[in-house]
Amino acid sequence: MVNIMMEIRPYSSKDAETVCRLWNDSLVHDQINIDNFYQKVIYDVNFDPGKLLVAEQDGKALGFVYATMRRFPDEVAGLQADQAWIVAFGVEPSARRKGAGRILLSSIEEKLCKEGAKKIDVGPYPNNYFSPGIDKNAYSSGVDFFLAHGYLKTSECCAMHLNLRGYETPPKYVEKKKALEAEGYRFKAYEAADALSLFAFAKEHFPYWLSNLRTSILAGRAGETLIVAQEASGATAGFVMRNMDGSHERFGPFATRPSLQGKGIGTVLFHEMMKNMVRERIFYTYFLWTSGRNLDIYATWDMSIFRTFSMISRTLP
């Protein structure tokens, strides 16, 4: 039964600690702190406090929902005026099954609909996502909640990780690198002179990673966290990054020129990054999103699945 005394209100500047508490109490596998909250939510170019709603009863905050739509066009996707994302949603355990989640969801859907949204995806907001969907094991009740409210499961994806304690590049990959270098390929840390070729490569083949590359370079960390593979001509053959969102252990993005896939360039890039991380005394790595045949590729490099996400969306009436 819906509790009519519950108030749903927009976020205000005094709510940061409250939202972080609610977030960590309800999304226990996706903990954040104040710095992370400001960096990935408040400072996001599309942030609108009216789309971060807080549920209160008798002055006590019980839950929140954070949604977003683009206010400014993405350089690849454009404005996506009819697309919305629910990035995070949480109700504290003691308040569940008492109407807070239902009221929060209907309130944010109504607001998004009024602003022109026709589709809502749960999780994978391209600018700053915390997870690509709902962890079907950690938050199975969350999956059930959205399915019960008109959302559909569209696919699944996985997060993978690797313990780097004791890592050494397997000899066969050392030999592969030598063979590629004998053909004229080279593998190197990013330098400013590589920008023109790297951006041309990304624009042609992987445009959705342009913003990640640009952010890393402008933040001044690309020399330590971005490795490029180049053909003898100097053209970019591939690249691999880490620390995409300020998380030292986070791997990716990672790409090889499609016409060169199968030569082993990606394999060498992967192991070059593992060496880079160990050299920086980073002994664990993970990424959040892959699926299909990539699961088998990463498994050959000893990475294993540690989370599986349900991709969930709704088309609004």
Protein backbone atom coordinates (compact mmCIF):
# COMPACT_ATOMS: atom_id res chain seq x y z
CA MET A 1 0.00 0.00 0.00
CA VAL A 2 1.34 3.43 -0.99
CA ASN A 3 2.20 5.65 1.96
CA ILE A 4 0.61 9.02 1.18
CA MET A 5 2.77 10.77 3.81
CA MET A 6 5.93 10.16 1.79
CA GLU A 7 7.50 13.24 0.18
CA ILE A 8 9.46 13.07 -3.07
CA ARG A 9 11.69 16.10 -3.57
CA PRO A 10 14.61 17.13 -5.80
CA TYR A 11 18.21 17.04 -4.65
CA SER A 12 19.66 20.06 -2.87
CA SER A 13 23.26 20.87 -1.96
CA LYS A 14 22.75 19.71 1.66
CA ASP A 15 21.87 16.17 0.49
CA ALA A 16 25.28 14.91 -0.61
CA GLU A 17 26.06 12.97 2.57
CA THR A 18 22.50 11.66 2.74
CA VAL A 19 22.49 10.38 -0.83
CA CYS A 20 25.90 8.75 -0.36
CA ARG A 21 24.62 7.01 2.77
CA LEU A 22 21.51 5.77 1.00
CA TRP A 23 23.59 4.71 -1.98
CA ASN A 24 26.03 2.68 0.13
CA ASP A 25 23.32 1.16 2.31
CA SER A 26 21.31 -0.06 -0.68
CA LEU A 27 23.93 -0.60 -3.44
CA VAL A 28 26.40 -2.45 -1.26
CA HIS A 29 28.45 -3.78 -4.19
CA ASP A 30 28.84 -0.32 -5.72
CA GLN A 31 30.05 1.84 -2.86
CA ILE A 32 30.91 5.50 -3.46
CA ASN A 33 32.37 8.36 -1.45
CA ILE A 34 31.74 12.09 -1.55
CA ASP A 35 34.57 12.80 -4.00
CA ASN A 36 33.34 10.11 -6.38
CA PHE A 37 29.75 11.35 -6.04
CA TYR A 38 30.69 14.91 -6.97
CA GLN A 39 33.00 13.85 -9.79
CA LYS A 40 30.59 11.47 -11.53
CA VAL A 41 27.21 12.97 -10.63
CA ILE A 42 27.23 16.63 -9.60
CA TYR A 43 30.01 17.72 -11.97
CA ASP A 44 28.57 15.83 -14.93
CA VAL A 45 27.70 18.22 -17.75
CA ASN A 46 24.15 16.85 -17.97
CA PHE A 47 23.38 16.83 -14.25
CA ASP A 48 19.98 18.22 -13.28
CA PRO A 49 19.10 18.28 -9.55
CA GLY A 50 15.48 17.82 -10.53
CA LYS A 51 16.32 14.34 -11.80
CA LEU A 52 17.98 13.25 -8.57
CA LEU A 53 14.97 12.61 -6.36
CA VAL A 54 14.96 11.84 -2.64
CA ALA A 55 12.11 10.08 -0.81
CA GLU A 56 11.45 11.26 2.74
CA GLN A 57 9.04 10.27 5.49
CA ASP A 58 8.81 12.23 8.73
CA GLY A 59 12.03 14.00 7.81
CA LYS A 60 13.99 10.78 7.27
CA ALA A 61 15.44 10.00 3.83
CA LEU A 62 14.45 6.50 2.74
CA GLY A 63 15.58 6.26 -0.86
CA PHE A 64 16.73 8.04 -4.00
CA VAL A 65 16.73 7.76 -7.76
CA TYR A 66 19.26 9.43 -10.06
CA ALA A 67 18.32 9.79 -13.72
CA THR A 68 19.65 11.90 -16.55
CA MET A 69 19.06 13.06 -20.11
CA ARG A 70 21.47 14.91 -22.35
CA ARG A 71 21.41 18.68 -22.00
CA PHE A 72 24.32 19.04 -24.43
CA PRO A 73 24.94 16.93 -27.56
CA ASP A 74 27.53 14.18 -27.46
CA GLU A 75 30.13 14.53 -30.21
CA VAL A 76 29.16 11.12 -31.62
CA ALA A 77 25.62 10.31 -30.44
CA GLY A 78 24.25 13.85 -30.64
CA LEU A 79 21.54 15.06 -28.27
CA GLN A 80 19.53 11.80 -28.08
CA ALA A 81 16.56 13.92 -27.06
CA ASP A 82 14.23 10.97 -26.50
CA GLN A 83 16.72 8.85 -24.48
CA ALA A 84 16.95 8.79 -20.69
CA TRP A 85 18.94 6.75 -18.20
CA ILE A 86 18.27 5.71 -14.63
CA VAL A 87 21.86 5.68 -13.43
CA ALA A 88 21.35 4.66 -9.80
CA PHE A 89 18.38 3.72 -7.63
CA GLY A 90 18.30 2.70 -4.00
CA VAL A 91 15.94 2.26 -1.06
CA GLU A 92 17.37 1.53 2.36
CA PRO A 93 16.67 -2.05 3.46
CA SER A 94 14.33 -1.16 6.33
CA ALA A 95 12.07 0.83 3.98
CA ARG A 96 11.68 -1.72 1.19
CA ARG A 97 8.27 -3.06 0.17
CA LYS A 98 6.59 -0.01 1.73
CA GLY A 99 6.01 2.03 -1.41
CA ALA A 100 9.14 4.20 -1.55
CA GLY A 101 10.63 2.51 -4.61
CA ARG A 102 7.35 2.52 -6.47
CA ILE A 103 6.76 6.22 -5.80
CA LEU A 104 10.32 7.15 -6.74
CA LEU A 105 10.12 5.22 -10.02
CA SER A 106 6.76 6.66 -11.06
CA SER A 107 7.91 10.17 -10.11
CA ILE A 108 11.09 10.02 -12.17
CA GLU A 109 9.30 8.39 -15.11
CA GLU A 110 6.72 11.17 -15.10
CA LYS A 111 9.43 13.82 -15.10
CA LEU A 112 11.42 12.15 -17.87
CA CYS A 113 8.30 11.68 -19.97
CA LYS A 114 7.40 15.37 -19.64
CA GLU A 115 10.88 16.27 -20.88
CA GLY A 116 10.47 14.15 -24.02
CA ALA A 117 11.98 10.81 -23.05
CA LYS A 118 10.61 7.83 -24.96
CA LYS A 119 13.05 5.20 -23.73
CA ILE A 120 14.73 4.62 -20.36
CA ASP A 121 17.77 2.41 -19.96
CA VAL A 122 18.75 1.32 -16.46
CA GLY A 123 22.47 1.76 -15.91
CA PRO A 124 24.54 2.43 -19.02
CA TYR A 125 24.67 6.25 -19.16
CA PRO A 126 27.61 6.78 -21.55
CA ASN A 127 29.15 9.81 -19.83
CA ASN A 128 29.46 8.34 -16.34
CA TYR A 129 28.01 4.92 -15.69
CA PHE A 130 28.55 3.05 -12.45
CA SER A 131 27.41 -0.26 -13.93
CA PRO A 132 26.09 -1.22 -17.37
CA GLY A 133 22.91 -2.73 -15.95
CA ILE A 134 21.62 -4.39 -12.79
CA ASP A 135 23.79 -7.05 -11.19
CA LYS A 136 21.43 -10.00 -11.43
CA ASN A 137 23.03 -11.85 -8.51
CA ALA A 138 23.77 -9.01 -6.09
CA TYR A 139 20.50 -7.18 -6.78
CA SER A 140 18.09 -9.87 -7.94
CA SER A 141 15.22 -8.10 -6.17
CA GLY A 142 16.08 -4.97 -8.16
CA VAL A 143 15.77 -6.88 -11.41
CA ASP A 144 12.39 -8.23 -10.28
CA PHE A 145 11.27 -4.74 -9.25
CA PHE A 146 11.90 -3.21 -12.67
CA LEU A 147 10.42 -6.17 -14.54
CA ALA A 148 7.28 -5.84 -12.41
CA HIS A 149 6.98 -2.19 -13.45
CA GLY A 150 6.99 -2.59 -17.21
CA TYR A 151 10.69 -2.89 -17.96
CA LEU A 152 12.13 -5.60 -20.18
CA LYS A 153 15.40 -7.46 -20.02
CA THR A 154 17.14 -6.95 -23.38
CA SER A 155 20.48 -8.73 -22.90
CA GLU A 156 23.26 -9.56 -20.46
CA CYS A 157 26.85 -8.46 -20.12
CA CYS A 158 29.67 -9.32 -17.75
CA ALA A 159 32.44 -7.74 -15.70
CA MET A 160 35.79 -9.54 -15.57
CA HIS A 161 38.87 -9.28 -13.39
CA LEU A 162 42.39 -10.57 -12.89
CA ASN A 163 44.75 -10.89 -9.93
CA LEU A 164 48.14 -9.57 -11.03
CA ARG A 165 50.19 -10.79 -8.06
CA GLY A 166 53.10 -12.72 -9.52
CA TYR A 167 52.22 -11.69 -13.09
CA GLU A 168 54.80 -12.33 -15.80
CA THR A 169 54.18 -11.98 -19.51
CA PRO A 170 53.84 -15.52 -20.91
CA PRO A 171 56.79 -16.36 -23.20
CA LYS A 172 54.57 -16.91 -26.25
CA TYR A 173 53.38 -13.30 -26.04
CA VAL A 174 56.94 -12.05 -25.65
CA GLU A 175 57.75 -13.86 -28.88
CA LYS A 176 54.62 -12.51 -30.56
CA LYS A 177 55.70 -8.95 -29.74
CA LYS A 178 59.15 -9.58 -31.20
CA ALA A 179 57.62 -11.00 -34.39
CA LEU A 180 55.34 -7.99 -34.82
CA GLU A 181 58.19 -5.58 -34.19
CA ALA A 182 60.17 -7.41 -36.89
CA GLU A 183 57.29 -6.59 -39.27
CA GLY A 184 57.59 -2.90 -38.39
CA TYR A 185 54.96 -2.57 -35.66
CA ARG A 186 55.84 -0.83 -32.42
CA PHE A 187 54.22 -0.55 -29.03
CA LYS A 188 54.80 2.61 -27.02
CA ALA A 189 53.51 4.91 -24.32
CA TYR A 190 51.36 7.72 -25.69
CA GLU A 191 53.05 11.00 -26.59
CA ALA A 192 51.48 14.24 -27.82
CA ALA A 193 52.82 13.63 -31.32
CA ASP A 194 50.62 10.52 -31.50
CA ALA A 195 47.37 12.47 -31.11
CA LEU A 196 46.60 13.09 -34.78
CA SER A 197 46.90 9.45 -35.79
CA LEU A 198 45.16 8.20 -32.64
CA PHE A 199 42.14 10.48 -33.06
CA ALA A 200 41.84 9.61 -36.76
CA PHE A 201 41.87 5.91 -35.83
CA ALA A 202 39.23 6.36 -33.14
CA LYS A 203 36.97 8.54 -35.29
CA GLU A 204 36.99 5.97 -38.09
CA HIS A 205 36.63 2.77 -36.09
CA PHE A 206 35.66 3.41 -32.45
CA PRO A 207 34.16 6.92 -32.19
CA TYR A 208 32.37 6.20 -28.91
CA TRP A 209 35.79 6.03 -27.18
CA LEU A 210 36.94 9.46 -28.37
CA SER A 211 35.76 11.16 -25.20
CA ASN A 212 37.64 8.65 -23.00
CA LEU A 213 40.84 9.26 -24.92
CA ARG A 214 40.42 13.02 -24.82
CA THR A 215 39.63 13.05 -21.10
CA SER A 216 42.72 10.99 -20.29
CA ILE A 217 44.98 13.19 -22.41
CA LEU A 218 43.60 16.47 -21.05
CA ALA A 219 43.92 15.17 -17.48
CA GLY A 220 47.63 14.72 -18.11
CA ARG A 221 47.71 11.00 -17.32
CA ALA A 222 47.85 9.47 -20.82
CA GLY A 223 51.63 9.14 -20.84
CA GLU A 224 51.33 6.66 -17.96
CA THR A 225 47.97 5.03 -18.74
CA LEU A 226 47.67 4.86 -22.55
CA ILE A 227 49.67 2.53 -24.80
CA VAL A 228 49.44 2.71 -28.59
CA ALA A 229 50.35 0.23 -31.29
CA GLN A 230 51.60 1.73 -34.54
CA GLU A 231 52.27 0.43 -38.01
CA ALA A 232 55.61 1.14 -39.67
CA SER A 233 54.00 4.16 -41.35
CA GLY A 234 53.11 5.64 -37.97
CA ALA A 235 49.38 4.95 -38.40
CA THR A 236 47.64 3.77 -35.25
CA ALA A 237 46.96 0.04 -35.26
CA GLY A 238 45.40 -0.09 -31.80
CA PHE A 239 45.47 1.22 -28.26
CA VAL A 240 44.79 0.20 -24.70
CA MET A 241 43.96 2.39 -21.70
CA ARG A 242 43.48 2.11 -17.98
CA ASN A 243 42.29 4.52 -15.28
CA MET A 244 39.35 5.59 -17.46
CA ASP A 245 37.43 7.24 -14.63
CA GLY A 246 40.19 7.85 -12.14
CA SER A 247 40.17 4.23 -10.90
CA HIS A 248 43.77 3.03 -11.18
CA GLU A 249 42.72 -0.62 -11.44
CA ARG A 250 40.13 -0.17 -14.16
CA PHE A 251 41.11 -1.61 -17.55
CA GLY A 252 39.97 -0.25 -20.91
CA PRO A 253 38.96 0.86 -23.40
CA PHE A 254 40.89 -1.42 -25.71
CA ALA A 255 40.82 -1.56 -29.51
CA THR A 256 42.60 -2.94 -32.58
CA ARG A 257 42.10 -1.82 -36.17
CA PRO A 258 39.44 -4.24 -37.56
CA SER A 259 41.49 -5.12 -40.64
CA LEU A 260 44.41 -6.13 -38.41
CA GLN A 261 42.51 -8.23 -35.89
CA GLY A 262 43.87 -11.75 -35.64
CA LYS A 263 47.52 -10.73 -35.98
CA GLY A 264 48.09 -10.67 -32.23
CA ILE A 265 48.31 -6.88 -31.85
CA GLY A 266 45.53 -6.84 -29.26
CA THR A 267 47.16 -9.67 -27.32
CA VAL A 268 50.43 -7.76 -27.11
CA LEU A 269 48.65 -4.56 -26.09
CA PHE A 270 46.82 -6.41 -23.33
CA HIS A 271 50.01 -7.81 -21.85
CA GLU A 272 51.85 -4.51 -22.27
CA MET A 273 49.17 -2.95 -20.07
CA MET A 274 49.44 -5.73 -17.50
CA LYS A 275 53.20 -5.05 -17.31
CA ASN A 276 52.46 -1.33 -17.00
CA MET A 277 50.12 -1.93 -14.08
CA VAL A 278 52.47 -4.25 -12.19
CA ARG A 279 55.30 -1.78 -12.71
CA GLU A 280 53.10 0.84 -11.04
CA ARG A 281 52.39 -1.66 -8.21
CA ILE A 282 48.79 -2.18 -9.25
CA PHE A 283 48.18 -5.87 -8.59
CA TYR A 284 44.52 -6.18 -9.55
CA THR A 285 42.57 -5.14 -12.62
CA TYR A 286 38.96 -5.25 -13.77
CA PHE A 287 36.55 -3.93 -16.37
CA LEU A 288 32.79 -3.65 -16.21
CA TRP A 289 31.36 -4.46 -19.61
CA THR A 290 31.86 -7.17 -22.20
CA SER A 291 29.85 -9.95 -23.80
CA GLY A 292 29.77 -12.53 -26.59
CA ARG A 293 33.00 -13.86 -28.02
CA ASN A 294 35.03 -11.31 -26.07
CA LEU A 295 34.38 -13.37 -22.95
CA ASP A 296 36.36 -16.23 -24.47
CA ILE A 297 39.15 -13.92 -25.63
CA TYR A 298 39.65 -12.44 -22.18
CA ALA A 299 39.43 -15.90 -20.63
CA THR A 300 42.47 -16.97 -22.69
CA TRP A 301 44.35 -14.21 -20.83
CA ASP A 302 43.20 -15.67 -17.48
CA MET A 303 40.53 -13.08 -16.77
CA SER A 304 37.37 -14.40 -15.14
CA ILE A 305 33.77 -13.22 -14.74
CA PHE A 306 32.91 -11.74 -11.37
CA ARG A 307 29.63 -9.94 -12.09
CA THR A 308 26.79 -10.48 -14.58
CA PHE A 309 24.44 -7.63 -15.41
CA SER A 310 20.91 -7.68 -16.76
CA MET A 311 20.41 -4.94 -19.34
CA ILE A 312 16.95 -3.51 -18.69
CA SER A 313 14.95 -0.82 -20.47
CA ARG A 314 11.47 0.52 -20.97
CA THR A 315 9.74 2.29 -23.83
CA LEU A 316 7.48 4.93 -22.34
CA PRO A 317 3.84 5.13 -23.40
